[in-house]
């Protein structure tokens, strides 16, 4: 039985695809921002885009799948925090503002 250990990416193609995905998501978000034009769905779209970009960076550049499972979970939780906060503020902004005031 052979155990194949995962190695860091040494080729340029996966990094190029991750970078192209980030650029495509950025351009698509500009178009979608004009299309949704301040609607309720814009916040959900922005949160989804932020999450996708975070996952792309974590997997493509940071290579989180090579990390210890605890570190992987911490990084992915960190990536998920900002979109969840955006959704929370979009729908429960008044409550968040009251919690933040002194």
PDB file of N, CA and C in Angstrom:
ATOM      1  N   UNK A   1       0.837  -1.158   0.000  1.00  0.00           N
ATOM      2  CA  UNK A   1       0.000   0.000   0.000  1.00  0.00           C
ATOM      3  C   UNK A   1       0.893   1.236   0.000  1.00  0.00           C
ATOM      4  N   UNK A   2       0.630   2.138  -0.907  1.00  0.00           N
ATOM      5  CA  UNK A   2       1.431   3.354  -0.975  1.00  0.00           C
ATOM      6  C   UNK A   2       0.592   4.529  -0.487  1.00  0.00           C
ATOM      7  N   UNK A   3       1.214   5.359   0.276  1.00  0.00           N
ATOM      8  CA  UNK A   3       0.544   6.560   0.742  1.00  0.00           C
ATOM      9  C   UNK A   3       1.085   7.730  -0.059  1.00  0.00           C
ATOM     10  N   UNK A   4       0.187   8.412  -0.701  1.00  0.00           N
ATOM     11  CA  UNK A   4       0.566   9.567  -1.506  1.00  0.00           C
ATOM     12  C   UNK A   4       0.282  10.808  -0.679  1.00  0.00           C
ATOM     13  N   UNK A   5       1.331  11.510  -0.359  1.00  0.00           N
ATOM     14  CA  UNK A   5       1.192  12.722   0.436  1.00  0.00           C
ATOM     15  C   UNK A   5       0.958  13.901  -0.497  1.00  0.00           C
ATOM     16  N   UNK A   6       0.019  14.756  -0.135  1.00  0.00           N
ATOM     17  CA  UNK A   6      -0.251  15.931  -0.952  1.00  0.00           C
ATOM     18  C   UNK A   6       0.931  16.885  -0.870  1.00  0.00           C
ATOM     19  N   UNK A   7       1.269  17.434  -2.004  1.00  0.00           N
ATOM     20  CA  UNK A   7       2.372  18.372  -2.104  1.00  0.00           C
ATOM     21  C   UNK A   7       1.838  19.730  -2.547  1.00  0.00           C
ATOM     22  N   UNK A   8       2.547  20.792  -2.202  1.00  0.00           N
ATOM     23  CA  UNK A   8       2.137  22.112  -2.686  1.00  0.00           C
ATOM     24  C   UNK A   8       2.165  22.162  -4.218  1.00  0.00           C
ATOM     25  N   UNK A   9       1.355  23.027  -4.763  1.00  0.00           N
ATOM     26  CA  UNK A   9       1.277  23.165  -6.213  1.00  0.00           C
ATOM     27  C   UNK A   9       2.584  23.750  -6.732  1.00  0.00           C
ATOM     28  N   UNK A  10       3.185  23.069  -7.690  1.00  0.00           N
ATOM     29  CA  UNK A  10       4.423  23.572  -8.281  1.00  0.00           C
ATOM     30  C   UNK A  10       4.211  23.996  -9.730  1.00  0.00           C
ATOM     31  N   UNK A  11       2.981  23.893 -10.213  1.00  0.00           N
ATOM     32  CA  UNK A  11       2.677  24.315 -11.578  1.00  0.00           C
ATOM     33  C   UNK A  11       1.983  25.671 -11.545  1.00  0.00           C
ATOM     34  N   UNK A  12       2.055  26.361 -12.645  1.00  0.00           N
ATOM     35  CA  UNK A  12       1.475  27.690 -12.731  1.00  0.00           C
ATOM     36  C   UNK A  12      -0.001  27.669 -13.139  1.00  0.00           C
ATOM     37  N   UNK A  13      -0.447  26.624 -13.811  1.00  0.00           N
ATOM     38  CA  UNK A  13      -1.816  26.574 -14.340  1.00  0.00           C
ATOM     39  C   UNK A  13      -2.893  26.677 -13.251  1.00  0.00           C
ATOM     40  N   UNK A  14      -2.815  25.930 -12.138  1.00  0.00           N
ATOM     41  CA  UNK A  14      -3.868  26.080 -11.115  1.00  0.00           C
ATOM     42  C   UNK A  14      -3.921  27.486 -10.516  1.00  0.00           C
ATOM     43  N   UNK A  15      -2.762  28.107 -10.356  1.00  0.00           N
ATOM     44  CA  UNK A  15      -2.745  29.476  -9.840  1.00  0.00           C
ATOM     45  C   UNK A  15      -3.353  30.447 -10.845  1.00  0.00           C
ATOM     46  N   UNK A  16      -3.076  30.213 -12.117  1.00  0.00           N
ATOM     47  CA  UNK A  16      -3.640  31.066 -13.161  1.00  0.00           C
ATOM     48  C   UNK A  16      -5.154  30.923 -13.211  1.00  0.00           C
ATOM     49  N   UNK A  17      -5.658  29.694 -13.083  1.00  0.00           N
ATOM     50  CA  UNK A  17      -7.108  29.485 -13.077  1.00  0.00           C
ATOM     51  C   UNK A  17      -7.753  30.138 -11.857  1.00  0.00           C
ATOM     52  N   UNK A  18      -7.112  30.062 -10.709  1.00  0.00           N
ATOM     53  CA  UNK A  18      -7.652  30.708  -9.509  1.00  0.00           C
ATOM     54  C   UNK A  18      -7.672  32.221  -9.688  1.00  0.00           C
ATOM     55  N   UNK A  19      -6.582  32.772 -10.236  1.00  0.00           N
ATOM     56  CA  UNK A  19      -6.518  34.208 -10.472  1.00  0.00           C
ATOM     57  C   UNK A  19      -7.580  34.632 -11.483  1.00  0.00           C
ATOM     58  N   UNK A  20      -7.738  33.859 -12.559  1.00  0.00           N
ATOM     59  CA  UNK A  20      -8.754  34.175 -13.566  1.00  0.00           C
ATOM     60  C   UNK A  20     -10.157  34.096 -12.968  1.00  0.00           C
ATOM     61  N   UNK A  21     -10.377  33.151 -12.068  1.00  0.00           N
ATOM     62  CA  UNK A  21     -11.664  33.067 -11.386  1.00  0.00           C
ATOM     63  C   UNK A  21     -11.935  34.291 -10.527  1.00  0.00           C
ATOM     64  N   UNK A  22     -10.906  34.783  -9.845  1.00  0.00           N
ATOM     65  CA  UNK A  22     -11.065  35.993  -9.038  1.00  0.00           C
ATOM     66  C   UNK A  22     -11.381  37.201  -9.913  1.00  0.00           C
ATOM     67  N   UNK A  23     -10.689  37.324 -11.035  1.00  0.00           N
ATOM     68  CA  UNK A  23     -10.950  38.434 -11.955  1.00  0.00           C
ATOM     69  C   UNK A  23     -12.362  38.324 -12.528  1.00  0.00           C
ATOM     70  N   UNK A  24     -12.772  37.122 -12.917  1.00  0.00           N
ATOM     71  CA  UNK A  24     -14.113  36.926 -13.470  1.00  0.00           C
ATOM     72  C   UNK A  24     -15.189  37.258 -12.441  1.00  0.00           C
ATOM     73  N   UNK A  25     -14.995  36.834 -11.202  1.00  0.00           N
ATOM     74  CA  UNK A  25     -15.969  37.167 -10.154  1.00  0.00           C
ATOM     75  C   UNK A  25     -16.033  38.674  -9.917  1.00  0.00           C
ATOM     76  N   UNK A  26     -14.890  39.339  -9.983  1.00  0.00           N
ATOM     77  CA  UNK A  26     -14.873  40.790  -9.806  1.00  0.00           C
ATOM     78  C   UNK A  26     -15.637  41.482 -10.927  1.00  0.00           C
ATOM     79  N   UNK A  27     -15.372  41.095 -12.165  1.00  0.00           N
ATOM     80  CA  UNK A  27     -16.075  41.705 -13.293  1.00  0.00           C
ATOM     81  C   UNK A  27     -17.565  41.387 -13.256  1.00  0.00           C
ATOM     82  N   UNK A  28     -17.907  40.155 -12.901  1.00  0.00           N
ATOM     83  CA  UNK A  28     -19.314  39.777 -12.808  1.00  0.00           C
ATOM     84  C   UNK A  28     -20.015  40.545 -11.690  1.00  0.00           C
ATOM     85  N   UNK A  29     -19.318  40.823 -10.604  1.00  0.00           N
ATOM     86  CA  UNK A  29     -19.942  41.558  -9.506  1.00  0.00           C
ATOM     87  C   UNK A  29     -20.222  43.004  -9.897  1.00  0.00           C
ATOM     88  N   UNK A  30     -19.378  43.596 -10.742  1.00  0.00           N
ATOM     89  CA  UNK A  30     -19.647  44.951 -11.225  1.00  0.00           C
ATOM     90  C   UNK A  30     -20.918  44.961 -12.073  1.00  0.00           C
ATOM     91  N   UNK A  31     -21.036  44.002 -12.974  1.00  0.00           N
ATOM     92  CA  UNK A  31     -22.225  43.905 -13.826  1.00  0.00           C
ATOM     93  C   UNK A  31     -23.465  43.625 -12.978  1.00  0.00           C
ATOM     94  N   UNK A  32     -23.354  42.727 -12.030  1.00  0.00           N
ATOM     95  CA  UNK A  32     -24.502  42.385 -11.185  1.00  0.00           C
ATOM     96  C   UNK A  32     -24.897  43.555 -10.291  1.00  0.00           C
ATOM     97  N   UNK A  33     -23.928  44.352  -9.855  1.00  0.00           N
ATOM     98  CA  UNK A  33     -24.247  45.527  -9.054  1.00  0.00           C
ATOM     99  C   UNK A  33     -25.108  46.513  -9.824  1.00  0.00           C
ATOM    100  N   UNK A  34     -24.812  46.671 -11.094  1.00  0.00           N
ATOM    101  CA  UNK A  34     -25.646  47.538 -11.936  1.00  0.00           C
ATOM    102  C   UNK A  34     -27.018  46.904 -12.188  1.00  0.00           C
ATOM    103  N   UNK A  35     -27.023  45.588 -12.342  1.00  0.00           N
ATOM    104  CA  UNK A  35     -28.265  44.890 -12.661  1.00  0.00           C
ATOM    105  C   UNK A  35     -29.215  44.879 -11.469  1.00  0.00           C
ATOM    106  N   UNK A  36     -28.714  44.555 -10.272  1.00  0.00           N
ATOM    107  CA  UNK A  36     -29.568  44.517  -9.082  1.00  0.00           C
ATOM    108  C   UNK A  36     -29.932  45.918  -8.611  1.00  0.00           C
ATOM    109  N   UNK A  37     -29.074  46.887  -8.844  1.00  0.00           N
ATOM    110  CA  UNK A  37     -29.323  48.301  -8.572  1.00  0.00           C
ATOM    111  C   UNK A  37     -29.870  48.562  -7.166  1.00  0.00           C
ATOM    112  N   UNK A  38     -29.150  48.092  -6.161  1.00  0.00           N
ATOM    113  CA  UNK A  38     -29.504  48.377  -4.782  1.00  0.00           C
ATOM    114  C   UNK A  38     -30.642  47.549  -4.221  1.00  0.00           C
ATOM    115  N   UNK A  39     -31.024  46.499  -4.882  1.00  0.00           N
ATOM    116  CA  UNK A  39     -32.108  45.651  -4.395  1.00  0.00           C
ATOM    117  C   UNK A  39     -31.666  44.790  -3.221  1.00  0.00           C
ATOM    118  N   UNK A  40     -32.633  44.117  -2.651  1.00  0.00           N
ATOM    119  CA  UNK A  40     -32.358  43.246  -1.506  1.00  0.00           C
ATOM    120  C   UNK A  40     -31.402  42.125  -1.890  1.00  0.00           C
ATOM    121  N   UNK A  41     -31.499  41.644  -3.119  1.00  0.00           N
ATOM    122  CA  UNK A  41     -30.666  40.517  -3.541  1.00  0.00           C
ATOM    123  C   UNK A  41     -29.211  40.910  -3.711  1.00  0.00           C
ATOM    124  N   UNK A  42     -28.936  42.213  -3.793  1.00  0.00           N
ATOM    125  CA  UNK A  42     -27.547  42.646  -3.974  1.00  0.00           C
ATOM    126  C   UNK A  42     -26.682  42.240  -2.784  1.00  0.00           C
ATOM    127  N   UNK A  43     -27.187  42.383  -1.560  1.00  0.00           N
ATOM    128  CA  UNK A  43     -26.417  42.001  -0.377  1.00  0.00           C
ATOM    129  C   UNK A  43     -26.122  40.511  -0.364  1.00  0.00           C
ATOM    130  N   UNK A  44     -27.101  39.706  -0.751  1.00  0.00           N
ATOM    131  CA  UNK A  44     -26.873  38.260  -0.813  1.00  0.00           C
ATOM    132  C   UNK A  44     -25.855  37.912  -1.891  1.00  0.00           C
ATOM    133  N   UNK A  45     -25.935  38.593  -3.016  1.00  0.00           N
ATOM    134  CA  UNK A  45     -24.973  38.350  -4.088  1.00  0.00           C
ATOM    135  C   UNK A  45     -23.564  38.751  -3.661  1.00  0.00           C
ATOM    136  N   UNK A  46     -23.440  39.894  -3.006  1.00  0.00           N
ATOM    137  CA  UNK A  46     -22.123  40.340  -2.533  1.00  0.00           C
ATOM    138  C   UNK A  46     -21.569  39.349  -1.519  1.00  0.00           C
ATOM    139  N   UNK A  47     -22.398  38.889  -0.605  1.00  0.00           N
ATOM    140  CA  UNK A  47     -21.935  37.915   0.389  1.00  0.00           C
ATOM    141  C   UNK A  47     -21.490  36.617  -0.282  1.00  0.00           C
ATOM    142  N   UNK A  48     -22.243  36.153  -1.259  1.00  0.00           N
ATOM    143  CA  UNK A  48     -21.853  34.944  -1.980  1.00  0.00           C
ATOM    144  C   UNK A  48     -20.558  35.123  -2.748  1.00  0.00           C
ATOM    145  N   UNK A  49     -20.392  36.295  -3.353  1.00  0.00           N
ATOM    146  CA  UNK A  49     -19.160  36.577  -4.093  1.00  0.00           C
ATOM    147  C   UNK A  49     -17.965  36.643  -3.156  1.00  0.00           C
ATOM    148  N   UNK A  50     -18.132  37.278  -2.012  1.00  0.00           N
ATOM    149  CA  UNK A  50     -17.041  37.351  -1.034  1.00  0.00           C
ATOM    150  C   UNK A  50     -16.662  35.951  -0.559  1.00  0.00           C
ATOM    151  N   UNK A  51     -17.667  35.116  -0.320  1.00  0.00           N
ATOM    152  CA  UNK A  51     -17.377  33.745   0.116  1.00  0.00           C
ATOM    153  C   UNK A  51     -16.639  32.964  -0.968  1.00  0.00           C
ATOM    154  N   UNK A  52     -17.109  33.054  -2.214  1.00  0.00           N
ATOM    155  CA  UNK A  52     -16.443  32.341  -3.308  1.00  0.00           C
ATOM    156  C   UNK A  52     -15.005  32.810  -3.490  1.00  0.00           C
ATOM    157  N   UNK A  53     -14.787  34.114  -3.415  1.00  0.00           N
ATOM    158  CA  UNK A  53     -13.425  34.633  -3.547  1.00  0.00           C
ATOM    159  C   UNK A  53     -12.547  34.147  -2.400  1.00  0.00           C
ATOM    160  N   UNK A  54     -13.089  34.139  -1.196  1.00  0.00           N
ATOM    161  CA  UNK A  54     -12.315  33.648  -0.055  1.00  0.00           C
ATOM    162  C   UNK A  54     -11.940  32.186  -0.194  1.00  0.00           C
ATOM    163  N   UNK A  55     -12.882  31.383  -0.666  1.00  0.00           N
ATOM    164  CA  UNK A  55     -12.598  29.958  -0.867  1.00  0.00           C
ATOM    165  C   UNK A  55     -11.563  29.773  -1.968  1.00  0.00           C
ATOM    166  N   UNK A  56     -11.669  30.556  -3.041  1.00  0.00           N
ATOM    167  CA  UNK A  56     -10.673  30.472  -4.116  1.00  0.00           C
ATOM    168  C   UNK A  56      -9.275  30.813  -3.610  1.00  0.00           C
ATOM    169  N   UNK A  57      -9.170  31.857  -2.812  1.00  0.00           N
ATOM    170  CA  UNK A  57      -7.860  32.241  -2.270  1.00  0.00           C
ATOM    171  C   UNK A  57      -7.355  31.177  -1.306  1.00  0.00           C
ATOM    172  N   UNK A  58      -8.238  30.680  -0.438  1.00  0.00           N
ATOM    173  CA  UNK A  58      -7.814  29.679   0.551  1.00  0.00           C
ATOM    174  C   UNK A  58      -7.356  28.386  -0.111  1.00  0.00           C
ATOM    175  N   UNK A  59      -8.042  27.967  -1.141  1.00  0.00           N
ATOM    176  CA  UNK A  59      -7.678  26.699  -1.790  1.00  0.00           C
ATOM    177  C   UNK A  59      -6.612  26.875  -2.857  1.00  0.00           C
ATOM    178  N   UNK A  60      -6.682  27.968  -3.610  1.00  0.00           N
ATOM    179  CA  UNK A  60      -5.758  28.145  -4.718  1.00  0.00           C
ATOM    180  C   UNK A  60      -4.402  28.681  -4.327  1.00  0.00           C
ATOM    181  N   UNK A  61      -4.369  29.620  -3.394  1.00  0.00           N
ATOM    182  CA  UNK A  61      -3.117  30.282  -3.049  1.00  0.00           C
ATOM    183  C   UNK A  61      -2.575  29.846  -1.688  1.00  0.00           C
ATOM    184  N   UNK A  62      -3.446  29.764  -0.689  1.00  0.00           N
ATOM    185  CA  UNK A  62      -2.993  29.350   0.642  1.00  0.00           C
ATOM    186  C   UNK A  62      -2.852  27.834   0.720  1.00  0.00           C
ATOM    187  N   UNK A  63      -3.551  27.117  -0.151  1.00  0.00           N
ATOM    188  CA  UNK A  63      -3.546  25.656  -0.201  1.00  0.00           C
ATOM    189  C   UNK A  63      -3.949  25.056   1.149  1.00  0.00           C
ATOM    190  N   UNK A  64      -5.124  25.461   1.594  1.00  0.00           N
ATOM    191  CA  UNK A  64      -5.621  25.075   2.906  1.00  0.00           C
ATOM    192  C   UNK A  64      -5.849  23.570   3.025  1.00  0.00           C
ATOM    193  N   UNK A  65      -6.032  22.880   1.912  1.00  0.00           N
ATOM    194  CA  UNK A  65      -6.251  21.432   1.991  1.00  0.00           C
ATOM    195  C   UNK A  65      -5.000  20.684   2.430  1.00  0.00           C
ATOM    196  N   UNK A  66      -3.842  21.343   2.385  1.00  0.00           N
ATOM    197  CA  UNK A  66      -2.603  20.713   2.852  1.00  0.00           C
ATOM    198  C   UNK A  66      -2.370  20.924   4.346  1.00  0.00           C
ATOM    199  N   UNK A  67      -3.138  21.815   4.944  1.00  0.00           N
ATOM    200  CA  UNK A  67      -2.933  22.162   6.347  1.00  0.00           C
ATOM    201  C   UNK A  67      -3.534  21.097   7.266  1.00  0.00           C
ATOM    202  N   UNK A  68      -3.149  21.174   8.523  1.00  0.00           N
ATOM    203  CA  UNK A  68      -3.729  20.328   9.564  1.00  0.00           C
ATOM    204  C   UNK A  68      -5.239  20.582   9.594  1.00  0.00           C
ATOM    205  N   UNK A  69      -6.060  19.570   9.868  1.00  0.00           N
ATOM    206  CA  UNK A  69      -7.521  19.760   9.858  1.00  0.00           C
ATOM    207  C   UNK A  69      -8.004  20.908  10.745  1.00  0.00           C
ATOM    208  N   UNK A  70      -7.368  21.121  11.890  1.00  0.00           N
ATOM    209  CA  UNK A  70      -7.785  22.228  12.759  1.00  0.00           C
ATOM    210  C   UNK A  70      -7.537  23.567  12.076  1.00  0.00           C
ATOM    211  N   UNK A  71      -6.359  23.727  11.489  1.00  0.00           N
ATOM    212  CA  UNK A  71      -6.024  24.973  10.796  1.00  0.00           C
ATOM    213  C   UNK A  71      -6.954  25.170   9.599  1.00  0.00           C
ATOM    214  N   UNK A  72      -7.237  24.095   8.884  1.00  0.00           N
ATOM    215  CA  UNK A  72      -8.145  24.167   7.736  1.00  0.00           C
ATOM    216  C   UNK A  72      -9.509  24.676   8.174  1.00  0.00           C
ATOM    217  N   UNK A  73     -10.028  24.136   9.273  1.00  0.00           N
ATOM    218  CA  UNK A  73     -11.347  24.569   9.763  1.00  0.00           C
ATOM    219  C   UNK A  73     -11.329  26.024  10.211  1.00  0.00           C
ATOM    220  N   UNK A  74     -10.253  26.443  10.858  1.00  0.00           N
ATOM    221  CA  UNK A  74     -10.153  27.835  11.303  1.00  0.00           C
ATOM    222  C   UNK A  74     -10.131  28.778  10.103  1.00  0.00           C
ATOM    223  N   UNK A  75      -9.353  28.439   9.088  1.00  0.00           N
ATOM    224  CA  UNK A  75      -9.272  29.291   7.897  1.00  0.00           C
ATOM    225  C   UNK A  75     -10.618  29.350   7.188  1.00  0.00           C
ATOM    226  N   UNK A  76     -11.274  28.224   7.022  1.00  0.00           N
ATOM    227  CA  UNK A  76     -12.566  28.219   6.337  1.00  0.00           C
ATOM    228  C   UNK A  76     -13.646  28.923   7.160  1.00  0.00           C
ATOM    229  N   UNK A  77     -13.569  28.846   8.487  1.00  0.00           N
ATOM    230  CA  UNK A  77     -14.499  29.606   9.333  1.00  0.00           C
ATOM    231  C   UNK A  77     -14.239  31.102   9.193  1.00  0.00           C
ATOM    232  N   UNK A  78     -12.965  31.483   9.107  1.00  0.00           N
ATOM    233  CA  UNK A  78     -12.612  32.886   8.905  1.00  0.00           C
ATOM    234  C   UNK A  78     -13.135  33.376   7.556  1.00  0.00           C
ATOM    235  N   UNK A  79     -13.022  32.540   6.536  1.00  0.00           N
ATOM    236  CA  UNK A  79     -13.520  32.896   5.206  1.00  0.00           C
ATOM    237  C   UNK A  79     -15.040  33.048   5.235  1.00  0.00           C
ATOM    238  N   UNK A  80     -15.731  32.244   6.011  1.00  0.00           N
ATOM    239  CA  UNK A  80     -17.192  32.295   6.069  1.00  0.00           C
ATOM    240  C   UNK A  80     -17.707  33.426   6.951  1.00  0.00           C
ATOM    241  N   UNK A  81     -16.863  33.987   7.824  1.00  0.00           N
ATOM    242  CA  UNK A  81     -17.328  34.996   8.777  1.00  0.00           C
ATOM    243  C   UNK A  81     -17.795  36.272   8.081  1.00  0.00           C
ATOM    244  N   UNK A  82     -17.014  36.794   7.150  1.00  0.00           N
ATOM    245  CA  UNK A  82     -17.367  38.057   6.493  1.00  0.00           C
ATOM    246  C   UNK A  82     -18.686  37.963   5.724  1.00  0.00           C
ATOM    247  N   UNK A  83     -18.912  36.931   4.914  1.00  0.00           N
ATOM    248  CA  UNK A  83     -20.215  36.853   4.238  1.00  0.00           C
ATOM    249  C   UNK A  83     -21.389  36.716   5.207  1.00  0.00           C
ATOM    250  N   UNK A  84     -21.203  35.944   6.273  1.00  0.00           N
ATOM    251  CA  UNK A  84     -22.281  35.820   7.258  1.00  0.00           C
ATOM    252  C   UNK A  84     -22.544  37.150   7.947  1.00  0.00           C
ATOM    253  N   UNK A  85     -21.488  37.909   8.227  1.00  0.00           N
ATOM    254  CA  UNK A  85     -21.664  39.233   8.824  1.00  0.00           C
ATOM    255  C   UNK A  85     -22.372  40.177   7.853  1.00  0.00           C
ATOM    256  N   UNK A  86     -22.030  40.113   6.573  1.00  0.00           N
ATOM    257  CA  UNK A  86     -22.712  40.945   5.579  1.00  0.00           C
ATOM    258  C   UNK A  86     -24.202  40.628   5.509  1.00  0.00           C
ATOM    259  N   UNK A  87     -24.537  39.356   5.525  1.00  0.00           N
ATOM    260  CA  UNK A  87     -25.948  38.960   5.488  1.00  0.00           C
ATOM    261  C   UNK A  87     -26.650  39.400   6.769  1.00  0.00           C
ATOM    262  N   UNK A  88     -25.993  39.214   7.905  1.00  0.00           N
ATOM    263  CA  UNK A  88     -26.586  39.633   9.172  1.00  0.00           C
ATOM    264  C   UNK A  88     -26.847  41.122   9.223  1.00  0.00           C
ATOM    265  N   UNK A  89     -25.894  41.916   8.743  1.00  0.00           N
ATOM    266  CA  UNK A  89     -26.069  43.369   8.747  1.00  0.00           C
ATOM    267  C   UNK A  89     -27.131  43.785   7.737  1.00  0.00           C
ATOM    268  N   UNK A  90     -27.201  43.097   6.610  1.00  0.00           N
ATOM    269  CA  UNK A  90     -28.196  43.450   5.592  1.00  0.00           C
ATOM    270  C   UNK A  90     -29.616  43.244   6.101  1.00  0.00           C
ATOM    271  N   UNK A  91     -29.841  42.185   6.844  1.00  0.00           N
ATOM    272  CA  UNK A  91     -31.197  41.874   7.283  1.00  0.00           C
ATOM    273  C   UNK A  91     -31.491  42.291   8.720  1.00  0.00           C
ATOM    274  N   UNK A  92     -30.462  42.414   9.546  1.00  0.00           N
ATOM    275  CA  UNK A  92     -30.655  42.773  10.955  1.00  0.00           C
ATOM    276  C   UNK A  92     -29.769  43.952  11.334  1.00  0.00           C
ATOM    277  N   UNK A  93     -29.677  44.943  10.455  1.00  0.00           N
ATOM    278  CA  UNK A  93     -28.789  46.079  10.662  1.00  0.00           C
ATOM    279  C   UNK A  93     -29.100  46.885  11.910  1.00  0.00           C
ATOM    280  N   UNK A  94     -30.388  47.076  12.212  1.00  0.00           N
ATOM    281  CA  UNK A  94     -30.761  47.858  13.394  1.00  0.00           C
ATOM    282  C   UNK A  94     -30.299  47.183  14.680  1.00  0.00           C
ATOM    283  N   UNK A  95     -30.455  45.873  14.764  1.00  0.00           N
ATOM    284  CA  UNK A  95     -30.020  45.149  15.954  1.00  0.00           C
ATOM    285  C   UNK A  95     -28.498  45.201  16.094  1.00  0.00           C
ATOM    286  N   UNK A  96     -27.779  45.043  14.987  1.00  0.00           N
ATOM    287  CA  UNK A  96     -26.320  45.139  15.038  1.00  0.00           C
ATOM    288  C   UNK A  96     -25.885  46.533  15.476  1.00  0.00           C
ATOM    289  N   UNK A  97     -26.577  47.566  15.000  1.00  0.00           N
ATOM    290  CA  UNK A  97     -26.232  48.934  15.382  1.00  0.00           C
ATOM    291  C   UNK A  97     -26.476  49.161  16.870  1.00  0.00           C
ATOM    292  N   UNK A  98     -27.572  48.618  17.400  1.00  0.00           N
ATOM    293  CA  UNK A  98     -27.836  48.762  18.836  1.00  0.00           C
ATOM    294  C   UNK A  98     -26.795  48.041  19.671  1.00  0.00           C
ATOM    295  N   UNK A  99     -26.346  46.862  19.216  1.00  0.00           N
ATOM    296  CA  UNK A  99     -25.325  46.119  19.955  1.00  0.00           C
ATOM    297  C   UNK A  99     -23.989  46.854  19.942  1.00  0.00           C
ATOM    298  N   UNK A 100     -23.733  47.614  18.880  1.00  0.00           N
ATOM    299  CA  UNK A 100     -22.436  48.274  18.732  1.00  0.00           C
ATOM    300  C   UNK A 100     -22.369  49.623  19.436  1.00  0.00           C
ATOM    301  N   UNK A 101     -23.506  50.199  19.828  1.00  0.00           N
ATOM    302  CA  UNK A 101     -23.476  51.506  20.483  1.00  0.00           C
ATOM    303  C   UNK A 101     -23.110  51.362  21.948  1.00  0.00           C
ATOM    304  N   UNK A 102     -22.527  52.396  22.464  1.00  0.00           N
ATOM    305  CA  UNK A 102     -22.130  52.393  23.882  1.00  0.00           C
ATOM    306  C   UNK A 102     -23.239  52.883  24.766  1.00  0.00           C
TER     307      UNK A 102
END
